[in-house]
Amino acid sequence: MSHRDYLLLLIAMGAVTYGPRWAPLFWLSRRQLPAWLMDWLALVPAAILSALLLPELITSGSPRHIDPWRPEMLAALPTLLFALRTRSLAGTVLVGMFAYWLAGKLMAL
């Protein structure tokens, strides 16, 4: 491949990557979205995070099987309760680290 081909390839890859991100921002930035849609969109990050975390928290092994007494799950419950009550990111991280350490110690007994 020549330098020109590499340059065209980089430009095309950039357009394919940038286009799908730019288009909705361009079109939606000039419109007033309905309140129900804004409320629904506010829930998307929490839904994605839950979908990524839950399988790791409650399953283990190969093949995967449900194991609700994993240290990760035992640490996640008090951490979630603390986060919901205080809304403190730093405190939640500290409580989560301590809860995970404590759950590991309890599981070793």
PDB file of N, CA and C in Angstrom:
ATOM      1  N   MET A   1       0.836  -1.183   0.000  1.00  0.00           N
ATOM      2  CA  MET A   1       0.000   0.000   0.000  1.00  0.00           C
ATOM      3  C   MET A   1       0.882   1.248   0.000  1.00  0.00           C
ATOM      4  N   SER A   2       0.454   2.231  -0.738  1.00  0.00           N
ATOM      5  CA  SER A   2       1.217   3.480  -0.795  1.00  0.00           C
ATOM      6  C   SER A   2       0.806   4.404   0.350  1.00  0.00           C
ATOM      7  N   HIS A   3       1.547   5.482   0.497  1.00  0.00           N
ATOM      8  CA  HIS A   3       1.225   6.463   1.536  1.00  0.00           C
ATOM      9  C   HIS A   3      -0.160   7.064   1.302  1.00  0.00           C
ATOM     10  N   ARG A   4      -0.510   7.237   0.040  1.00  0.00           N
ATOM     11  CA  ARG A   4      -1.834   7.788  -0.299  1.00  0.00           C
ATOM     12  C   ARG A   4      -2.941   6.832   0.149  1.00  0.00           C
ATOM     13  N   ASP A   5      -2.733   5.534  -0.041  1.00  0.00           N
ATOM     14  CA  ASP A   5      -3.729   4.551   0.373  1.00  0.00           C
ATOM     15  C   ASP A   5      -3.905   4.550   1.897  1.00  0.00           C
ATOM     16  N   TYR A   6      -2.786   4.656   2.628  1.00  0.00           N
ATOM     17  CA  TYR A   6      -2.860   4.711   4.088  1.00  0.00           C
ATOM     18  C   TYR A   6      -3.604   5.972   4.547  1.00  0.00           C
ATOM     19  N   LEU A   7      -3.329   7.081   3.890  1.00  0.00           N
ATOM     20  CA  LEU A   7      -3.999   8.322   4.244  1.00  0.00           C
ATOM     21  C   LEU A   7      -5.499   8.212   3.988  1.00  0.00           C
ATOM     22  N   LEU A   8      -5.890   7.661   2.858  1.00  0.00           N
ATOM     23  CA  LEU A   8      -7.313   7.470   2.558  1.00  0.00           C
ATOM     24  C   LEU A   8      -7.962   6.504   3.552  1.00  0.00           C
ATOM     25  N   LEU A   9      -7.235   5.471   3.920  1.00  0.00           N
ATOM     26  CA  LEU A   9      -7.746   4.515   4.894  1.00  0.00           C
ATOM     27  C   LEU A   9      -7.975   5.189   6.244  1.00  0.00           C
ATOM     28  N   LEU A  10      -7.034   6.004   6.687  1.00  0.00           N
ATOM     29  CA  LEU A  10      -7.190   6.718   7.955  1.00  0.00           C
ATOM     30  C   LEU A  10      -8.359   7.700   7.911  1.00  0.00           C
ATOM     31  N   ILE A  11      -8.514   8.406   6.815  1.00  0.00           N
ATOM     32  CA  ILE A  11      -9.635   9.341   6.674  1.00  0.00           C
ATOM     33  C   ILE A  11     -10.960   8.587   6.690  1.00  0.00           C
ATOM     34  N   ALA A  12     -11.036   7.477   5.987  1.00  0.00           N
ATOM     35  CA  ALA A  12     -12.277   6.682   5.963  1.00  0.00           C
ATOM     36  C   ALA A  12     -12.580   6.104   7.336  1.00  0.00           C
ATOM     37  N   MET A  13     -11.560   5.603   8.023  1.00  0.00           N
ATOM     38  CA  MET A  13     -11.786   5.071   9.373  1.00  0.00           C
ATOM     39  C   MET A  13     -12.248   6.170  10.321  1.00  0.00           C
ATOM     40  N   GLY A  14     -11.692   7.345  10.197  1.00  0.00           N
ATOM     41  CA  GLY A  14     -12.119   8.468  11.023  1.00  0.00           C
ATOM     42  C   GLY A  14     -13.561   8.855  10.740  1.00  0.00           C
ATOM     43  N   ALA A  15     -13.949   8.867   9.464  1.00  0.00           N
ATOM     44  CA  ALA A  15     -15.326   9.212   9.107  1.00  0.00           C
ATOM     45  C   ALA A  15     -16.312   8.168   9.632  1.00  0.00           C
ATOM     46  N   VAL A  16     -15.944   6.899   9.536  1.00  0.00           N
ATOM     47  CA  VAL A  16     -16.824   5.835  10.022  1.00  0.00           C
ATOM     48  C   VAL A  16     -16.949   5.888  11.550  1.00  0.00           C
ATOM     49  N   THR A  17     -15.893   6.287  12.217  1.00  0.00           N
ATOM     50  CA  THR A  17     -15.933   6.393  13.673  1.00  0.00           C
ATOM     51  C   THR A  17     -16.638   7.669  14.130  1.00  0.00           C
ATOM     52  N   TYR A  18     -16.353   8.777  13.491  1.00  0.00           N
ATOM     53  CA  TYR A  18     -16.868  10.066  13.911  1.00  0.00           C
ATOM     54  C   TYR A  18     -18.318  10.283  13.472  1.00  0.00           C
ATOM     55  N   GLY A  19     -18.694   9.802  12.312  1.00  0.00           N
ATOM     56  CA  GLY A  19     -20.035  10.032  11.756  1.00  0.00           C
ATOM     57  C   GLY A  19     -21.179   9.589  12.656  1.00  0.00           C
ATOM     58  N   PRO A  20     -21.202   8.350  13.117  1.00  0.00           N
ATOM     59  CA  PRO A  20     -22.304   7.923  13.975  1.00  0.00           C
ATOM     60  C   PRO A  20     -22.365   8.658  15.312  1.00  0.00           C
ATOM     61  N   ARG A  21     -21.291   9.225  15.753  1.00  0.00           N
ATOM     62  CA  ARG A  21     -21.304   9.996  17.001  1.00  0.00           C
ATOM     63  C   ARG A  21     -21.762  11.427  16.749  1.00  0.00           C
ATOM     64  N   TRP A  22     -21.377  11.986  15.608  1.00  0.00           N
ATOM     65  CA  TRP A  22     -21.684  13.366  15.303  1.00  0.00           C
ATOM     66  C   TRP A  22     -23.129  13.558  14.857  1.00  0.00           C
ATOM     67  N   ALA A  23     -23.643  12.646  14.065  1.00  0.00           N
ATOM     68  CA  ALA A  23     -24.971  12.820  13.476  1.00  0.00           C
ATOM     69  C   ALA A  23     -26.077  13.019  14.514  1.00  0.00           C
ATOM     70  N   PRO A  24     -26.210  12.163  15.535  1.00  0.00           N
ATOM     71  CA  PRO A  24     -27.278  12.410  16.512  1.00  0.00           C
ATOM     72  C   PRO A  24     -27.088  13.719  17.276  1.00  0.00           C
ATOM     73  N   LEU A  25     -25.855  14.053  17.604  1.00  0.00           N
ATOM     74  CA  LEU A  25     -25.620  15.318  18.305  1.00  0.00           C
ATOM     75  C   LEU A  25     -26.017  16.504  17.433  1.00  0.00           C
ATOM     76  N   PHE A  26     -25.705  16.442  16.169  1.00  0.00           N
ATOM     77  CA  PHE A  26     -26.031  17.526  15.247  1.00  0.00           C
ATOM     78  C   PHE A  26     -27.542  17.684  15.100  1.00  0.00           C
ATOM     79  N   TRP A  27     -28.237  16.587  14.882  1.00  0.00           N
ATOM     80  CA  TRP A  27     -29.685  16.672  14.654  1.00  0.00           C
ATOM     81  C   TRP A  27     -30.469  16.934  15.944  1.00  0.00           C
ATOM     82  N   LEU A  28     -30.081  16.313  17.030  1.00  0.00           N
ATOM     83  CA  LEU A  28     -30.846  16.452  18.263  1.00  0.00           C
ATOM     84  C   LEU A  28     -30.532  17.728  19.038  1.00  0.00           C
ATOM     85  N   SER A  29     -29.393  18.360  18.778  1.00  0.00           N
ATOM     86  CA  SER A  29     -29.042  19.568  19.524  1.00  0.00           C
ATOM     87  C   SER A  29     -29.950  20.736  19.178  1.00  0.00           C
ATOM     88  N   ARG A  30     -30.594  20.686  18.046  1.00  0.00           N
ATOM     89  CA  ARG A  30     -31.462  21.780  17.611  1.00  0.00           C
ATOM     90  C   ARG A  30     -32.939  21.505  17.863  1.00  0.00           C
ATOM     91  N   ARG A  31     -33.228  20.425  18.544  1.00  0.00           N
ATOM     92  CA  ARG A  31     -34.619  20.052  18.799  1.00  0.00           C
ATOM     93  C   ARG A  31     -34.869  19.968  20.298  1.00  0.00           C
ATOM     94  N   GLN A  32     -36.088  20.261  20.690  1.00  0.00           N
ATOM     95  CA  GLN A  32     -36.514  20.088  22.068  1.00  0.00           C
ATOM     96  C   GLN A  32     -37.085  18.684  22.205  1.00  0.00           C
ATOM     97  N   LEU A  33     -36.436  17.853  22.997  1.00  0.00           N
ATOM     98  CA  LEU A  33     -36.899  16.479  23.171  1.00  0.00           C
ATOM     99  C   LEU A  33     -38.020  16.445  24.194  1.00  0.00           C
ATOM    100  N   PRO A  34     -38.966  15.517  24.033  1.00  0.00           N
ATOM    101  CA  PRO A  34     -40.047  15.404  25.023  1.00  0.00           C
ATOM    102  C   PRO A  34     -39.500  15.013  26.399  1.00  0.00           C
ATOM    103  N   ALA A  35     -40.216  15.422  27.425  1.00  0.00           N
ATOM    104  CA  ALA A  35     -39.772  15.153  28.803  1.00  0.00           C
ATOM    105  C   ALA A  35     -39.667  13.656  29.070  1.00  0.00           C
ATOM    106  N   TRP A  36     -40.595  12.861  28.525  1.00  0.00           N
ATOM    107  CA  TRP A  36     -40.559  11.425  28.773  1.00  0.00           C
ATOM    108  C   TRP A  36     -39.298  10.806  28.163  1.00  0.00           C
ATOM    109  N   LEU A  37     -38.856  11.333  27.004  1.00  0.00           N
ATOM    110  CA  LEU A  37     -37.650  10.800  26.373  1.00  0.00           C
ATOM    111  C   LEU A  37     -36.405  11.192  27.176  1.00  0.00           C
ATOM    112  N   MET A  38     -36.373  12.414  27.686  1.00  0.00           N
ATOM    113  CA  MET A  38     -35.249  12.841  28.513  1.00  0.00           C
ATOM    114  C   MET A  38     -35.176  12.008  29.792  1.00  0.00           C
ATOM    115  N   ASP A  39     -36.328  11.719  30.385  1.00  0.00           N
ATOM    116  CA  ASP A  39     -36.354  10.866  31.577  1.00  0.00           C
ATOM    117  C   ASP A  39     -35.848   9.465  31.261  1.00  0.00           C
ATOM    118  N   TRP A  40     -36.273   8.937  30.121  1.00  0.00           N
ATOM    119  CA  TRP A  40     -35.857   7.602  29.708  1.00  0.00           C
ATOM    120  C   TRP A  40     -34.354   7.568  29.423  1.00  0.00           C
ATOM    121  N   LEU A  41     -33.844   8.583  28.743  1.00  0.00           N
ATOM    122  CA  LEU A  41     -32.414   8.624  28.426  1.00  0.00           C
ATOM    123  C   LEU A  41     -31.556   8.756  29.681  1.00  0.00           C
ATOM    124  N   ALA A  42     -32.091   9.360  30.738  1.00  0.00           N
ATOM    125  CA  ALA A  42     -31.333   9.481  31.981  1.00  0.00           C
ATOM    126  C   ALA A  42     -31.109   8.127  32.643  1.00  0.00           C
ATOM    127  N   LEU A  43     -31.939   7.134  32.323  1.00  0.00           N
ATOM    128  CA  LEU A  43     -31.805   5.803  32.915  1.00  0.00           C
ATOM    129  C   LEU A  43     -30.844   4.884  32.155  1.00  0.00           C
ATOM    130  N   VAL A  44     -30.461   5.268  30.952  1.00  0.00           N
ATOM    131  CA  VAL A  44     -29.623   4.408  30.113  1.00  0.00           C
ATOM    132  C   VAL A  44     -28.265   4.101  30.753  1.00  0.00           C
ATOM    133  N   PRO A  45     -27.518   5.076  31.302  1.00  0.00           N
ATOM    134  CA  PRO A  45     -26.222   4.720  31.910  1.00  0.00           C
ATOM    135  C   PRO A  45     -26.337   3.711  33.053  1.00  0.00           C
ATOM    136  N   ALA A  46     -27.344   3.863  33.901  1.00  0.00           N
ATOM    137  CA  ALA A  46     -27.516   2.913  35.006  1.00  0.00           C
ATOM    138  C   ALA A  46     -27.861   1.525  34.474  1.00  0.00           C
ATOM    139  N   ALA A  47     -28.669   1.460  33.429  1.00  0.00           N
ATOM    140  CA  ALA A  47     -29.026   0.165  32.847  1.00  0.00           C
ATOM    141  C   ALA A  47     -27.812  -0.516  32.228  1.00  0.00           C
ATOM    142  N   ILE A  48     -26.978   0.241  31.552  1.00  0.00           N
ATOM    143  CA  ILE A  48     -25.779  -0.337  30.937  1.00  0.00           C
ATOM    144  C   ILE A  48     -24.812  -0.823  32.013  1.00  0.00           C
ATOM    145  N   LEU A  49     -24.601  -0.007  33.039  1.00  0.00           N
ATOM    146  CA  LEU A  49     -23.711  -0.411  34.123  1.00  0.00           C
ATOM    147  C   LEU A  49     -24.224  -1.666  34.823  1.00  0.00           C
ATOM    148  N   SER A  50     -25.524  -1.735  35.055  1.00  0.00           N
ATOM    149  CA  SER A  50     -26.105  -2.918  35.692  1.00  0.00           C
ATOM    150  C   SER A  50     -25.919  -4.156  34.823  1.00  0.00           C
ATOM    151  N   ALA A  51     -26.130  -4.007  33.527  1.00  0.00           N
ATOM    152  CA  ALA A  51     -25.977  -5.144  32.626  1.00  0.00           C
ATOM    153  C   ALA A  51     -24.538  -5.642  32.575  1.00  0.00           C
ATOM    154  N   LEU A  52     -23.587  -4.743  32.747  1.00  0.00           N
ATOM    155  CA  LEU A  52     -22.187  -5.152  32.743  1.00  0.00           C
ATOM    156  C   LEU A  52     -21.757  -5.773  34.072  1.00  0.00           C
ATOM    157  N   LEU A  53     -22.276  -5.259  35.180  1.00  0.00           N
ATOM    158  CA  LEU A  53     -21.821  -5.710  36.496  1.00  0.00           C
ATOM    159  C   LEU A  53     -22.535  -6.950  37.021  1.00  0.00           C
ATOM    160  N   LEU A  54     -23.823  -7.055  36.823  1.00  0.00           N
ATOM    161  CA  LEU A  54     -24.592  -8.122  37.458  1.00  0.00           C
ATOM    162  C   LEU A  54     -24.082  -9.527  37.140  1.00  0.00           C
ATOM    163  N   PRO A  55     -23.805  -9.871  35.882  1.00  0.00           N
ATOM    164  CA  PRO A  55     -23.290 -11.231  35.634  1.00  0.00           C
ATOM    165  C   PRO A  55     -21.986 -11.522  36.378  1.00  0.00           C
ATOM    166  N   GLU A  56     -21.137 -10.523  36.506  1.00  0.00           N
ATOM    167  CA  GLU A  56     -19.874 -10.728  37.218  1.00  0.00           C
ATOM    168  C   GLU A  56     -20.090 -10.873  38.717  1.00  0.00           C
ATOM    169  N   LEU A  57     -21.127 -10.219  39.240  1.00  0.00           N
ATOM    170  CA  LEU A  57     -21.374 -10.260  40.672  1.00  0.00           C
ATOM    171  C   LEU A  57     -22.005 -11.572  41.132  1.00  0.00           C
ATOM    172  N   ILE A  58     -22.887 -12.161  40.329  1.00  0.00           N
ATOM    173  CA  ILE A  58     -23.659 -13.312  40.823  1.00  0.00           C
ATOM    174  C   ILE A  58     -23.340 -14.631  40.148  1.00  0.00           C
ATOM    175  N   THR A  59     -22.413 -14.654  39.181  1.00  0.00           N
ATOM    176  CA  THR A  59     -22.084 -15.924  38.536  1.00  0.00           C
ATOM    177  C   THR A  59     -20.591 -16.198  38.661  1.00  0.00           C
ATOM    178  N   SER A  60     -20.249 -17.475  38.589  1.00  0.00           N
ATOM    179  CA  SER A  60     -18.841 -17.869  38.626  1.00  0.00           C
ATOM    180  C   SER A  60     -18.675 -19.189  37.909  1.00  0.00           C
ATOM    181  N   GLY A  61     -17.442 -19.555  37.694  1.00  0.00           N
ATOM    182  CA  GLY A  61     -17.121 -20.864  37.123  1.00  0.00           C
ATOM    183  C   GLY A  61     -17.215 -20.917  35.616  1.00  0.00           C
ATOM    184  N   SER A  62     -16.869 -22.087  35.107  1.00  0.00           N
ATOM    185  CA  SER A  62     -16.968 -22.341  33.677  1.00  0.00           C
ATOM    186  C   SER A  62     -17.504 -23.751  33.500  1.00  0.00           C
ATOM    187  N   PRO A  63     -18.702 -23.968  33.036  1.00  0.00           N
ATOM    188  CA  PRO A  63     -19.659 -22.960  32.574  1.00  0.00           C
ATOM    189  C   PRO A  63     -20.201 -22.142  33.741  1.00  0.00           C
ATOM    190  N   ARG A  64     -20.708 -20.963  33.433  1.00  0.00           N
ATOM    191  CA  ARG A  64     -21.198 -20.036  34.449  1.00  0.00           C
ATOM    192  C   ARG A  64     -22.370 -20.629  35.222  1.00  0.00           C
ATOM    193  N   HIS A  65     -22.383 -20.431  36.515  1.00  0.00           N
ATOM    194  CA  HIS A  65     -23.509 -20.826  37.348  1.00  0.00           C
ATOM    195  C   HIS A  65     -23.725 -19.744  38.410  1.00  0.00           C
ATOM    196  N   ILE A  66     -24.935 -19.639  38.885  1.00  0.00           N
ATOM    197  CA  ILE A  66     -25.277 -18.613  39.858  1.00  0.00           C
ATOM    198  C   ILE A  66     -24.680 -18.966  41.214  1.00  0.00           C
ATOM    199  N   ASP A  67     -23.980 -18.008  41.779  1.00  0.00           N
ATOM    200  CA  ASP A  67     -23.331 -18.168  43.076  1.00  0.00           C
ATOM    201  C   ASP A  67     -23.526 -16.867  43.858  1.00  0.00           C
ATOM    202  N   PRO A  68     -24.649 -16.742  44.569  1.00  0.00           N
ATOM    203  CA  PRO A  68     -24.948 -15.454  45.219  1.00  0.00           C
ATOM    204  C   PRO A  68     -24.064 -15.139  46.419  1.00  0.00           C
ATOM    205  N   TRP A  69     -23.270 -16.066  46.885  1.00  0.00           N
ATOM    206  CA  TRP A  69     -22.438 -15.819  48.065  1.00  0.00           C
ATOM    207  C   TRP A  69     -21.001 -15.495  47.711  1.00  0.00           C
ATOM    208  N   ARG A  70     -20.771 -14.964  46.532  1.00  0.00           N
ATOM    209  CA  ARG A  70     -19.427 -14.546  46.144  1.00  0.00           C
ATOM    210  C   ARG A  70     -19.023 -13.311  46.941  1.00  0.00           C
ATOM    211  N   PRO A  71     -17.737 -13.135  47.237  1.00  0.00           N
ATOM    212  CA  PRO A  71     -17.304 -11.939  47.974  1.00  0.00           C
ATOM    213  C   PRO A  71     -17.694 -10.636  47.262  1.00  0.00           C
ATOM    214  N   GLU A  72     -17.681 -10.661  45.932  1.00  0.00           N
ATOM    215  CA  GLU A  72     -18.058  -9.470  45.177  1.00  0.00           C
ATOM    216  C   GLU A  72     -19.494  -9.056  45.468  1.00  0.00           C
ATOM    217  N   MET A  73     -20.392 -10.042  45.536  1.00  0.00           N
ATOM    218  CA  MET A  73     -21.799  -9.737  45.804  1.00  0.00           C
ATOM    219  C   MET A  73     -21.991  -9.303  47.249  1.00  0.00           C
ATOM    220  N   LEU A  74     -21.294  -9.958  48.161  1.00  0.00           N
ATOM    221  CA  LEU A  74     -21.395  -9.574  49.569  1.00  0.00           C
ATOM    222  C   LEU A  74     -20.885  -8.147  49.787  1.00  0.00           C
ATOM    223  N   ALA A  75     -19.910  -7.723  49.022  1.00  0.00           N
ATOM    224  CA  ALA A  75     -19.391  -6.351  49.135  1.00  0.00           C
ATOM    225  C   ALA A  75     -20.282  -5.357  48.397  1.00  0.00           C
ATOM    226  N   ALA A  76     -20.944  -5.788  47.337  1.00  0.00           N
ATOM    227  CA  ALA A  76     -21.745  -4.871  46.528  1.00  0.00           C
ATOM    228  C   ALA A  76     -22.990  -4.381  47.261  1.00  0.00           C
ATOM    229  N   LEU A  77     -23.594  -5.219  48.064  1.00  0.00           N
ATOM    230  CA  LEU A  77     -24.847  -4.820  48.723  1.00  0.00           C
ATOM    231  C   LEU A  77     -24.665  -3.668  49.710  1.00  0.00           C
ATOM    232  N   PRO A  78     -23.747  -3.740  50.673  1.00  0.00           N
ATOM    233  CA  PRO A  78     -23.582  -2.574  51.555  1.00  0.00           C
ATOM    234  C   PRO A  78     -23.057  -1.343  50.816  1.00  0.00           C
ATOM    235  N   THR A  79     -22.255  -1.561  49.799  1.00  0.00           N
ATOM    236  CA  THR A  79     -21.746  -0.437  49.019  1.00  0.00           C
ATOM    237  C   THR A  79     -22.886   0.274  48.302  1.00  0.00           C
ATOM    238  N   LEU A  80     -23.795  -0.492  47.720  1.00  0.00           N
ATOM    239  CA  LEU A  80     -24.950   0.104  47.050  1.00  0.00           C
ATOM    240  C   LEU A  80     -25.815   0.879  48.035  1.00  0.00           C
ATOM    241  N   LEU A  81     -26.068   0.304  49.189  1.00  0.00           N
ATOM    242  CA  LEU A  81     -26.881   0.993  50.185  1.00  0.00           C
ATOM    243  C   LEU A  81     -26.218   2.297  50.633  1.00  0.00           C
ATOM    244  N   PHE A  82     -24.912   2.271  50.841  1.00  0.00           N
ATOM    245  CA  PHE A  82     -24.188   3.482  51.226  1.00  0.00           C
ATOM    246  C   PHE A  82     -24.270   4.528  50.123  1.00  0.00           C
ATOM    247  N   ALA A  83     -24.093   4.103  48.875  1.00  0.00           N
ATOM    248  CA  ALA A  83     -24.133   5.045  47.753  1.00  0.00           C
ATOM    249  C   ALA A  83     -25.511   5.681  47.610  1.00  0.00           C
ATOM    250  N   LEU A  84     -26.559   4.882  47.754  1.00  0.00           N
ATOM    251  CA  LEU A  84     -27.906   5.426  47.634  1.00  0.00           C
ATOM    252  C   LEU A  84     -28.223   6.406  48.757  1.00  0.00           C
ATOM    253  N   ARG A  85     -27.697   6.144  49.923  1.00  0.00           N
ATOM    254  CA  ARG A  85     -28.013   6.995  51.072  1.00  0.00           C
ATOM    255  C   ARG A  85     -27.212   8.298  51.076  1.00  0.00           C
ATOM    256  N   THR A  86     -25.929   8.230  50.719  1.00  0.00           N
ATOM    257  CA  THR A  86     -25.067   9.408  50.864  1.00  0.00           C
ATOM    258  C   THR A  86     -24.790  10.145  49.555  1.00  0.00           C
ATOM    259  N   ARG A  87     -24.840   9.451  48.433  1.00  0.00           N
ATOM    260  CA  ARG A  87     -24.485  10.038  47.128  1.00  0.00           C
ATOM    261  C   ARG A  87     -23.038  10.555  47.117  1.00  0.00           C
ATOM    262  N   SER A  88     -22.182   9.932  47.892  1.00  0.00           N
ATOM    263  CA  SER A  88     -20.778  10.331  47.987  1.00  0.00           C
ATOM    264  C   SER A  88     -19.922   9.338  47.205  1.00  0.00           C
ATOM    265  N   LEU A  89     -19.279   9.805  46.160  1.00  0.00           N
ATOM    266  CA  LEU A  89     -18.452   8.916  45.342  1.00  0.00           C
ATOM    267  C   LEU A  89     -17.235   8.423  46.121  1.00  0.00           C
ATOM    268  N   ALA A  90     -16.534   9.332  46.777  1.00  0.00           N
ATOM    269  CA  ALA A  90     -15.334   8.928  47.527  1.00  0.00           C
ATOM    270  C   ALA A  90     -15.704   7.977  48.662  1.00  0.00           C
ATOM    271  N   GLY A  91     -16.771   8.281  49.377  1.00  0.00           N
ATOM    272  CA  GLY A  91     -17.196   7.405  50.458  1.00  0.00           C
ATOM    273  C   GLY A  91     -17.622   6.044  49.952  1.00  0.00           C
ATOM    274  N   THR A  92     -18.300   6.029  48.819  1.00  0.00           N
ATOM    275  CA  THR A  92     -18.742   4.764  48.237  1.00  0.00           C
ATOM    276  C   THR A  92     -17.550   3.903  47.841  1.00  0.00           C
ATOM    277  N   VAL A  93     -16.534   4.511  47.267  1.00  0.00           N
ATOM    278  CA  VAL A  93     -15.330   3.761  46.887  1.00  0.00           C
ATOM    279  C   VAL A  93     -14.660   3.179  48.133  1.00  0.00           C
ATOM    280  N   LEU A  94     -14.539   3.983  49.179  1.00  0.00           N
ATOM    281  CA  LEU A  94     -13.912   3.496  50.407  1.00  0.00           C
ATOM    282  C   LEU A  94     -14.727   2.387  51.062  1.00  0.00           C
ATOM    283  N   VAL A  95     -16.039   2.563  51.122  1.00  0.00           N
ATOM    284  CA  VAL A  95     -16.897   1.520  51.697  1.00  0.00           C
ATOM    285  C   VAL A  95     -16.807   0.247  50.859  1.00  0.00           C
ATOM    286  N   GLY A  96     -16.789   0.388  49.545  1.00  0.00           N
ATOM    287  CA  GLY A  96     -16.679  -0.774  48.669  1.00  0.00           C
ATOM    288  C   GLY A  96     -15.374  -1.522  48.857  1.00  0.00           C
ATOM    289  N   MET A  97     -14.275  -0.786  48.974  1.00  0.00           N
ATOM    290  CA  MET A  97     -12.980  -1.429  49.187  1.00  0.00           C
ATOM    291  C   MET A  97     -12.948  -2.152  50.528  1.00  0.00           C
ATOM    292  N   PHE A  98     -13.450  -1.486  51.568  1.00  0.00           N
ATOM    293  CA  PHE A  98     -13.470  -2.112  52.884  1.00  0.00           C
ATOM    294  C   PHE A  98     -14.395  -3.332  52.895  1.00  0.00           C
ATOM    295  N   ALA A  99     -15.580  -3.217  52.269  1.00  0.00           N
ATOM    296  CA  ALA A  99     -16.535  -4.330  52.244  1.00  0.00           C
ATOM    297  C   ALA A  99     -15.959  -5.517  51.471  1.00  0.00           C
ATOM    298  N   TYR A 100     -15.253  -5.246  50.389  1.00  0.00           N
ATOM    299  CA  TYR A 100     -14.650  -6.336  49.616  1.00  0.00           C
ATOM    300  C   TYR A 100     -13.554  -7.022  50.422  1.00  0.00           C
ATOM    301  N   TRP A 101     -12.735  -6.234  51.110  1.00  0.00           N
ATOM    302  CA  TRP A 101     -11.692  -6.808  51.955  1.00  0.00           C
ATOM    303  C   TRP A 101     -12.311  -7.656  53.064  1.00  0.00           C
ATOM    304  N   LEU A 102     -13.350  -7.117  53.712  1.00  0.00           N
ATOM    305  CA  LEU A 102     -14.005  -7.839  54.804  1.00  0.00           C
ATOM    306  C   LEU A 102     -14.686  -9.115  54.299  1.00  0.00           C
ATOM    307  N   ALA A 103     -15.334  -9.036  53.139  1.00  0.00           N
ATOM    308  CA  ALA A 103     -15.989 -10.236  52.592  1.00  0.00           C
ATOM    309  C   ALA A 103     -14.952 -11.310  52.276  1.00  0.00           C
ATOM    310  N   GLY A 104     -13.800 -10.920  51.770  1.00  0.00           N
ATOM    311  CA  GLY A 104     -12.730 -11.896  51.507  1.00  0.00           C
ATOM    312  C   GLY A 104     -12.240 -12.550  52.771  1.00  0.00           C
ATOM    313  N   LYS A 105     -12.122 -11.765  53.840  1.00  0.00           N
ATOM    314  CA  LYS A 105     -11.698 -12.325  55.130  1.00  0.00           C
ATOM    315  C   LYS A 105     -12.754 -13.278  55.687  1.00  0.00           C
ATOM    316  N   LEU A 106     -14.027 -12.889  55.578  1.00  0.00           N
ATOM    317  CA  LEU A 106     -15.108 -13.746  56.077  1.00  0.00           C
ATOM    318  C   LEU A 106     -15.233 -15.048  55.291  1.00  0.00           C
ATOM    319  N   MET A 107     -14.999 -14.983  53.998  1.00  0.00           N
ATOM    320  CA  MET A 107     -15.087 -16.181  53.158  1.00  0.00           C
ATOM    321  C   MET A 107     -13.928 -17.133  53.443  1.00  0.00           C
ATOM    322  N   ALA A 108     -12.800 -16.603  53.932  1.00  0.00           N
ATOM    323  CA  ALA A 108     -11.636 -17.439  54.226  1.00  0.00           C
ATOM    324  C   ALA A 108     -11.806 -18.207  55.536  1.00  0.00           C
ATOM    325  N   LEU A 109     -12.740 -17.783  56.380  1.00  0.00           N
ATOM    326  CA  LEU A 109     -12.936 -18.463  57.668  1.00  0.00           C
ATOM    327  C   LEU A 109     -13.501 -19.843  57.509  1.00  0.00           C
TER     328      LEU A 109
END
